[in-house]
Amino acid sequence: MTKRVTWMCTLLFVALISTAPAYANTTLRVIASFSVMEELVKRVAGDAVSVNVIVPVGEDVHRWELTPPNVLALEETHIVFYNGLGLEPWIRHIEAMSDDQLTLVEVAKKADYAPLMISTGQYKGEPDPHMWMDPAGAAAYIDVIAATLAEHLPKQADVFYARAEEARKALTTLSSEVKERLDGIPQTNRTLITSEASFGYFARAFSFQAQGIWGVNHETQGSAQAMAKMSEQLAAKRPSALFFESTTPSIHMDALARETSIPLAGPLYVDSLSRADGPAANYSTMLRHNAEVLHTALGGATAE
């Protein structure tokens, strides 16, 4: 009861100090859980739908805590598109607040795409939530988004499905371009070591061996046991480089790089896009940027 009162007081306070939502007159109001999901939704929705985001660019989606503006925006929302499979532990708070007017869509669970299991850490053996790191996984997300929007706005269904088809074609082209760039990396160098074990789908799509120090970012990061285990593995089989991610402190990978004298490269983008002036401002540039970082650090062939 106390928790519910706290939420209600927070809502009242924010409502008093905030102006009316900019999208108040829009027919359908949508929120995406994080920036990658936001961009995929916008690809399908176009201008017909107001799309907002919960976790800002540059923040870790796993470890986010809902803010008063988040809560107020949810009061004005019809659909929440979230990844699911444990990516957003805070989604339980939205579930507790939701009513019949709010549709929660767990996109990864609904997507027609074969899941991988988390390879290490506290959640080993559970489905890996990072499906979007394979363009085919992102395309499966697009299908779920299009079907959901079409259900809510049936008169615009054809437009949503047409945009979805266009997005799928663009993702197929993107996958081919990234594969072509990565094909220059020798097979002996195709080991991808990161902090979080979030590159499984990327590795499956583009023929890498991926491993993280820990499983997902909302468990204990960089425990002594995990660091020692990775140090032993690196001593036994030295990769060409180690990599850090944009939303994860680089301190753990930096320590391993100094201990083993293995070069450290990055950042790689996974759980967030970059700002508009950064190297990963949208999904396509994110994958291309990651491919370039890998190509440079792992000894890719120079284009003639």
Protein backbone atom coordinates (compact mmCIF):
# COMPACT_ATOMS: atom_id res chain seq x y z
CA MET A 1 0.00 0.00 0.00
CA THR A 2 2.83 2.38 0.88
CA LYS A 3 4.49 1.71 -2.48
CA ARG A 4 1.28 2.50 -4.33
CA VAL A 5 0.85 5.76 -2.43
CA THR A 6 4.42 6.71 -3.32
CA TRP A 7 3.73 6.16 -7.02
CA MET A 8 0.52 8.20 -6.82
CA CYS A 9 2.29 11.07 -5.07
CA THR A 10 5.02 11.00 -7.68
CA LEU A 11 2.47 11.18 -10.47
CA LEU A 12 0.67 14.07 -8.82
CA PHE A 13 3.89 16.00 -8.28
CA VAL A 14 5.05 15.54 -11.87
CA ALA A 15 1.64 16.45 -13.23
CA LEU A 16 1.68 19.71 -11.30
CA ILE A 17 5.14 20.78 -12.50
CA SER A 18 4.93 19.50 -16.08
CA THR A 19 3.29 20.89 -19.15
CA ALA A 20 0.81 18.83 -21.11
CA PRO A 21 2.41 16.06 -23.23
CA ALA A 22 3.37 17.22 -26.71
CA TYR A 23 1.55 14.23 -28.20
CA ALA A 24 -1.72 14.77 -26.35
CA ASN A 25 -3.74 15.15 -29.56
CA THR A 26 -2.28 12.13 -31.33
CA THR A 27 -4.64 9.21 -31.92
CA LEU A 28 -2.23 6.43 -30.97
CA ARG A 29 0.54 6.96 -28.43
CA VAL A 30 3.39 4.47 -28.18
CA ILE A 31 6.42 4.05 -25.94
CA ALA A 32 9.46 1.90 -26.73
CA SER A 33 11.62 0.60 -23.91
CA PHE A 34 15.01 1.63 -25.35
CA SER A 35 16.53 3.42 -28.33
CA VAL A 36 16.98 0.44 -30.69
CA MET A 37 13.35 -0.57 -30.19
CA GLU A 38 12.30 3.06 -30.64
CA GLU A 39 13.95 3.25 -34.05
CA LEU A 40 12.41 -0.01 -35.25
CA VAL A 41 8.96 1.16 -34.15
CA LYS A 42 9.42 4.49 -35.92
CA ARG A 43 10.38 2.69 -39.14
CA VAL A 44 6.96 1.07 -39.21
CA ALA A 45 4.84 3.76 -37.56
CA GLY A 46 5.93 6.76 -39.62
CA ASP A 47 4.13 9.98 -38.74
CA ALA A 48 0.86 8.26 -37.91
CA VAL A 49 1.91 7.39 -34.36
CA SER A 50 3.62 9.33 -31.58
CA VAL A 51 6.63 7.32 -30.41
CA ASN A 52 8.47 8.05 -27.16
CA VAL A 53 11.22 6.13 -25.35
CA ILE A 54 11.78 5.17 -21.72
CA VAL A 55 15.55 4.62 -21.50
CA PRO A 56 17.49 7.55 -23.03
CA VAL A 57 20.30 7.08 -25.51
CA GLY A 58 23.55 6.13 -23.80
CA GLU A 59 21.96 4.58 -20.72
CA ASP A 60 22.02 0.87 -19.83
CA VAL A 61 18.57 -0.60 -20.48
CA HIS A 62 19.21 -3.41 -17.99
CA ARG A 63 19.88 -1.17 -15.01
CA TRP A 64 17.46 1.68 -15.67
CA GLU A 65 15.06 2.89 -12.97
CA LEU A 66 11.78 4.50 -13.96
CA THR A 67 11.70 8.29 -13.51
CA PRO A 68 8.69 10.51 -12.74
CA PRO A 69 8.55 11.69 -16.40
CA ASN A 70 8.53 8.02 -17.49
CA VAL A 71 5.58 7.33 -15.21
CA LEU A 72 3.66 10.39 -16.40
CA ALA A 73 4.25 9.49 -20.06
CA LEU A 74 2.93 5.99 -19.43
CA GLU A 75 -0.33 7.49 -18.19
CA GLU A 76 -0.83 8.91 -21.70
CA THR A 77 0.26 5.78 -23.59
CA HIS A 78 -1.66 3.08 -25.46
CA ILE A 79 1.15 0.63 -26.35
CA VAL A 80 4.49 -0.21 -24.77
CA PHE A 81 6.88 -2.13 -27.02
CA TYR A 82 9.56 -3.75 -24.87
CA ASN A 83 12.11 -6.40 -25.71
CA GLY A 84 11.41 -8.81 -22.86
CA LEU A 85 13.24 -12.06 -22.04
CA GLY A 86 14.59 -10.28 -18.97
CA LEU A 87 16.25 -7.35 -20.78
CA GLU A 88 14.24 -4.76 -18.82
CA PRO A 89 13.90 -5.93 -15.18
CA TRP A 90 12.03 -2.70 -14.42
CA ILE A 91 9.15 -3.67 -16.73
CA ARG A 92 7.49 -5.33 -13.72
CA HIS A 93 6.76 -1.85 -12.34
CA ILE A 94 4.93 -0.94 -15.54
CA GLU A 95 3.01 -4.21 -15.40
CA ALA A 96 1.93 -3.34 -11.86
CA MET A 97 0.70 0.08 -12.97
CA SER A 98 -0.94 -0.99 -16.22
CA ASP A 99 -4.67 -1.26 -16.84
CA ASP A 100 -6.94 -2.34 -19.70
CA GLN A 101 -6.05 0.80 -21.65
CA LEU A 102 -2.36 -0.08 -21.90
CA THR A 103 -1.10 -2.86 -24.20
CA LEU A 104 2.28 -4.32 -23.27
CA VAL A 105 4.02 -6.07 -26.18
CA GLU A 106 6.97 -8.36 -25.38
CA VAL A 107 8.50 -8.18 -28.84
CA ALA A 108 11.29 -10.77 -28.53
CA LYS A 109 8.91 -13.38 -27.14
CA LYS A 110 6.44 -12.82 -29.98
CA ALA A 111 9.10 -12.69 -32.71
CA ASP A 112 9.40 -15.61 -35.11
CA TYR A 113 13.11 -16.06 -34.49
CA ALA A 114 15.05 -18.92 -32.89
CA PRO A 115 16.47 -17.89 -29.50
CA LEU A 116 19.93 -18.65 -28.17
CA MET A 117 20.68 -19.36 -24.53
CA ILE A 118 22.85 -17.13 -22.35
CA SER A 119 26.27 -18.76 -22.25
CA THR A 120 27.61 -17.72 -18.86
CA GLY A 121 26.83 -16.03 -15.57
CA GLN A 122 23.87 -16.04 -13.22
CA TYR A 123 21.30 -16.45 -16.02
CA LYS A 124 23.16 -19.14 -17.97
CA GLY A 125 20.73 -21.35 -19.89
CA GLU A 126 17.97 -18.74 -20.11
CA PRO A 127 17.02 -17.13 -23.46
CA ASP A 128 19.41 -14.42 -24.59
CA PRO A 129 17.36 -11.22 -25.05
CA HIS A 130 19.69 -9.51 -27.58
CA MET A 131 17.98 -10.83 -30.71
CA TRP A 132 18.18 -7.49 -32.54
CA MET A 133 21.96 -7.90 -32.92
CA ASP A 134 21.22 -10.11 -35.93
CA PRO A 135 19.43 -8.16 -38.70
CA ALA A 136 17.17 -11.20 -39.16
CA GLY A 137 16.16 -10.82 -35.52
CA ALA A 138 15.47 -7.12 -36.05
CA ALA A 139 13.32 -8.06 -39.06
CA ALA A 140 11.32 -10.43 -36.84
CA TYR A 141 10.78 -7.52 -34.44
CA ILE A 142 9.52 -5.42 -37.36
CA ASP A 143 6.85 -8.03 -38.09
CA VAL A 144 5.59 -7.97 -34.50
CA ILE A 145 5.51 -4.17 -34.47
CA ALA A 146 3.63 -3.97 -37.79
CA ALA A 147 1.02 -6.53 -36.70
CA THR A 148 0.45 -4.72 -33.40
CA LEU A 149 0.07 -1.29 -34.99
CA ALA A 150 -2.23 -2.71 -37.67
CA GLU A 151 -4.44 -4.21 -34.98
CA HIS A 152 -4.78 -0.86 -33.24
CA LEU A 153 -5.12 1.23 -36.42
CA PRO A 154 -6.69 -1.17 -38.97
CA LYS A 155 -7.40 1.59 -41.51
CA GLN A 156 -3.65 2.15 -41.80
CA ALA A 157 -2.68 -1.52 -41.75
CA ASP A 158 -1.60 -1.59 -45.40
CA VAL A 159 0.74 1.34 -44.80
CA PHE A 160 2.29 -0.32 -41.76
CA TYR A 161 2.82 -3.59 -43.60
CA ALA A 162 4.32 -1.77 -46.59
CA ARG A 163 6.80 0.03 -44.35
CA ALA A 164 7.61 -3.26 -42.63
CA GLU A 165 8.35 -4.90 -45.98
CA GLU A 166 10.60 -1.99 -46.94
CA ALA A 167 12.40 -2.27 -43.59
CA ARG A 168 12.93 -6.02 -44.01
CA LYS A 169 14.49 -5.48 -47.43
CA ALA A 170 16.80 -2.81 -46.00
CA LEU A 171 17.81 -5.14 -43.18
CA THR A 172 18.61 -7.93 -45.66
CA THR A 173 20.84 -5.53 -47.59
CA LEU A 174 22.47 -4.35 -44.37
CA SER A 175 23.21 -7.92 -43.33
CA SER A 176 24.91 -8.62 -46.66
CA GLU A 177 27.02 -5.44 -46.40
CA VAL A 178 28.12 -6.20 -42.83
CA LYS A 179 28.93 -9.80 -43.74
CA GLU A 180 31.02 -8.66 -46.71
CA ARG A 181 32.99 -6.30 -44.46
CA LEU A 182 33.54 -8.94 -41.79
CA ASP A 183 34.49 -11.65 -44.28
CA GLY A 184 37.91 -10.00 -44.52
CA ILE A 185 38.73 -11.06 -40.95
CA PRO A 186 40.75 -14.32 -40.87
CA GLN A 187 38.98 -17.32 -39.37
CA THR A 188 41.73 -17.64 -36.77
CA ASN A 189 40.89 -14.14 -35.45
CA ARG A 190 37.12 -14.42 -35.23
CA THR A 191 36.90 -14.45 -31.42
CA LEU A 192 34.76 -11.73 -29.86
CA ILE A 193 35.32 -11.16 -26.11
CA THR A 194 33.15 -8.51 -24.42
CA SER A 195 32.00 -7.57 -20.93
CA GLU A 196 28.40 -8.68 -21.36
CA ALA A 197 27.56 -11.88 -23.23
CA SER A 198 25.42 -9.92 -25.66
CA PHE A 199 26.90 -10.82 -29.05
CA GLY A 200 25.59 -14.37 -29.41
CA TYR A 201 23.13 -13.56 -32.19
CA PHE A 202 25.64 -11.34 -33.97
CA ALA A 203 28.19 -14.15 -33.73
CA ARG A 204 25.73 -16.71 -35.12
CA ALA A 205 24.84 -14.42 -38.02
CA PHE A 206 28.39 -13.47 -38.96
CA SER A 207 30.47 -16.53 -37.97
CA PHE A 208 32.23 -15.44 -34.78
CA GLN A 209 32.93 -17.11 -31.45
CA ALA A 210 31.50 -14.75 -28.83
CA GLN A 211 31.95 -14.80 -25.07
CA GLY A 212 31.38 -12.39 -22.20
CA ILE A 213 32.87 -12.04 -18.74
CA TRP A 214 29.33 -12.13 -17.31
CA GLY A 215 25.93 -12.97 -18.74
CA VAL A 216 23.75 -9.83 -18.71
CA ASN A 217 24.38 -6.41 -17.22
CA HIS A 218 21.82 -6.57 -14.43
CA GLU A 219 23.73 -9.30 -12.61
CA THR A 220 26.93 -8.65 -10.62
CA GLN A 221 29.43 -7.12 -13.01
CA GLY A 222 33.08 -8.09 -12.97
CA SER A 223 33.06 -10.42 -9.95
CA ALA A 224 36.45 -11.72 -8.87
CA GLN A 225 35.45 -15.24 -9.90
CA ALA A 226 34.31 -14.17 -13.37
CA MET A 227 37.42 -12.07 -13.94
CA ALA A 228 39.73 -14.89 -12.82
CA LYS A 229 37.96 -17.39 -15.08
CA MET A 230 38.27 -15.09 -18.11
CA SER A 231 41.93 -14.38 -17.30
CA GLU A 232 42.68 -18.10 -17.37
CA GLN A 233 40.90 -18.50 -20.69
CA LEU A 234 42.77 -15.57 -22.22
CA ALA A 235 46.09 -17.02 -21.07
CA ALA A 236 45.27 -20.34 -22.70
CA LYS A 237 43.98 -18.91 -25.97
CA ARG A 238 44.87 -15.32 -26.75
CA PRO A 239 42.44 -13.46 -29.05
CA SER A 240 43.65 -10.61 -31.23
CA ALA A 241 41.71 -8.03 -29.20
CA LEU A 242 39.25 -7.45 -26.36
CA PHE A 243 36.21 -5.19 -26.71
CA PHE A 244 34.19 -2.90 -24.46
CA GLU A 245 30.61 -1.72 -24.94
CA SER A 246 29.20 1.80 -24.94
CA THR A 247 26.89 1.36 -21.94
CA THR A 248 29.22 -0.72 -19.76
CA PRO A 249 32.17 0.68 -17.78
CA SER A 250 35.37 -0.31 -19.57
CA ILE A 251 37.26 -0.85 -16.29
CA HIS A 252 36.90 -4.65 -16.36
CA MET A 253 38.05 -5.11 -19.95
CA ASP A 254 40.80 -2.55 -19.41
CA ALA A 255 42.09 -4.53 -16.43
CA LEU A 256 42.13 -7.75 -18.45
CA ALA A 257 43.80 -6.01 -21.40
CA ARG A 258 46.59 -4.66 -19.16
CA GLU A 259 47.02 -8.00 -17.39
CA THR A 260 47.26 -10.00 -20.62
CA SER A 261 48.80 -7.34 -22.91
CA ILE A 262 45.94 -7.88 -25.37
CA PRO A 263 44.78 -4.73 -27.20
CA LEU A 264 41.46 -3.22 -26.13
CA ALA A 265 39.07 -1.82 -28.76
CA GLY A 266 35.66 -0.18 -28.80
CA PRO A 267 33.17 0.94 -28.05
CA LEU A 268 30.78 -1.56 -29.55
CA TYR A 269 27.10 -0.60 -29.44
CA VAL A 270 24.51 -3.12 -28.24
CA ASP A 271 21.96 -1.91 -25.70
CA SER A 272 21.79 1.67 -26.94
CA LEU A 273 22.30 3.74 -30.03
CA SER A 274 24.59 6.75 -29.89
CA ARG A 275 23.49 10.36 -29.95
CA ALA A 276 22.63 11.84 -33.34
CA ASP A 277 26.19 13.11 -33.85
CA GLY A 278 27.76 9.79 -32.81
CA PRO A 279 28.85 6.73 -34.81
CA ALA A 280 25.71 4.66 -34.10
CA ALA A 281 22.84 7.10 -34.45
CA ASN A 282 20.55 4.46 -35.96
CA TYR A 283 20.39 0.69 -36.26
CA SER A 284 22.18 0.51 -39.62
CA THR A 285 25.08 2.75 -38.58
CA MET A 286 25.32 0.84 -35.29
CA LEU A 287 25.98 -2.48 -37.04
CA ARG A 288 28.29 -0.85 -39.58
CA HIS A 289 30.25 0.85 -36.80
CA ASN A 290 30.59 -2.43 -34.90
CA ALA A 291 31.76 -4.16 -38.08
CA GLU A 292 34.41 -1.49 -38.64
CA VAL A 293 35.70 -1.74 -35.06
CA LEU A 294 35.94 -5.53 -35.39
CA HIS A 295 37.52 -5.32 -38.83
CA THR A 296 40.23 -2.95 -37.59
CA ALA A 297 40.95 -4.70 -34.30
CA LEU A 298 40.90 -8.28 -35.59
CA GLY A 299 43.07 -7.76 -38.63
CA GLY A 300 40.60 -7.50 -41.47
CA ALA A 301 41.94 -7.36 -45.01
CA THR A 302 42.45 -3.87 -46.41
CA ALA A 303 40.06 -2.96 -49.22
CA GLU A 304 41.81 -2.62 -52.55
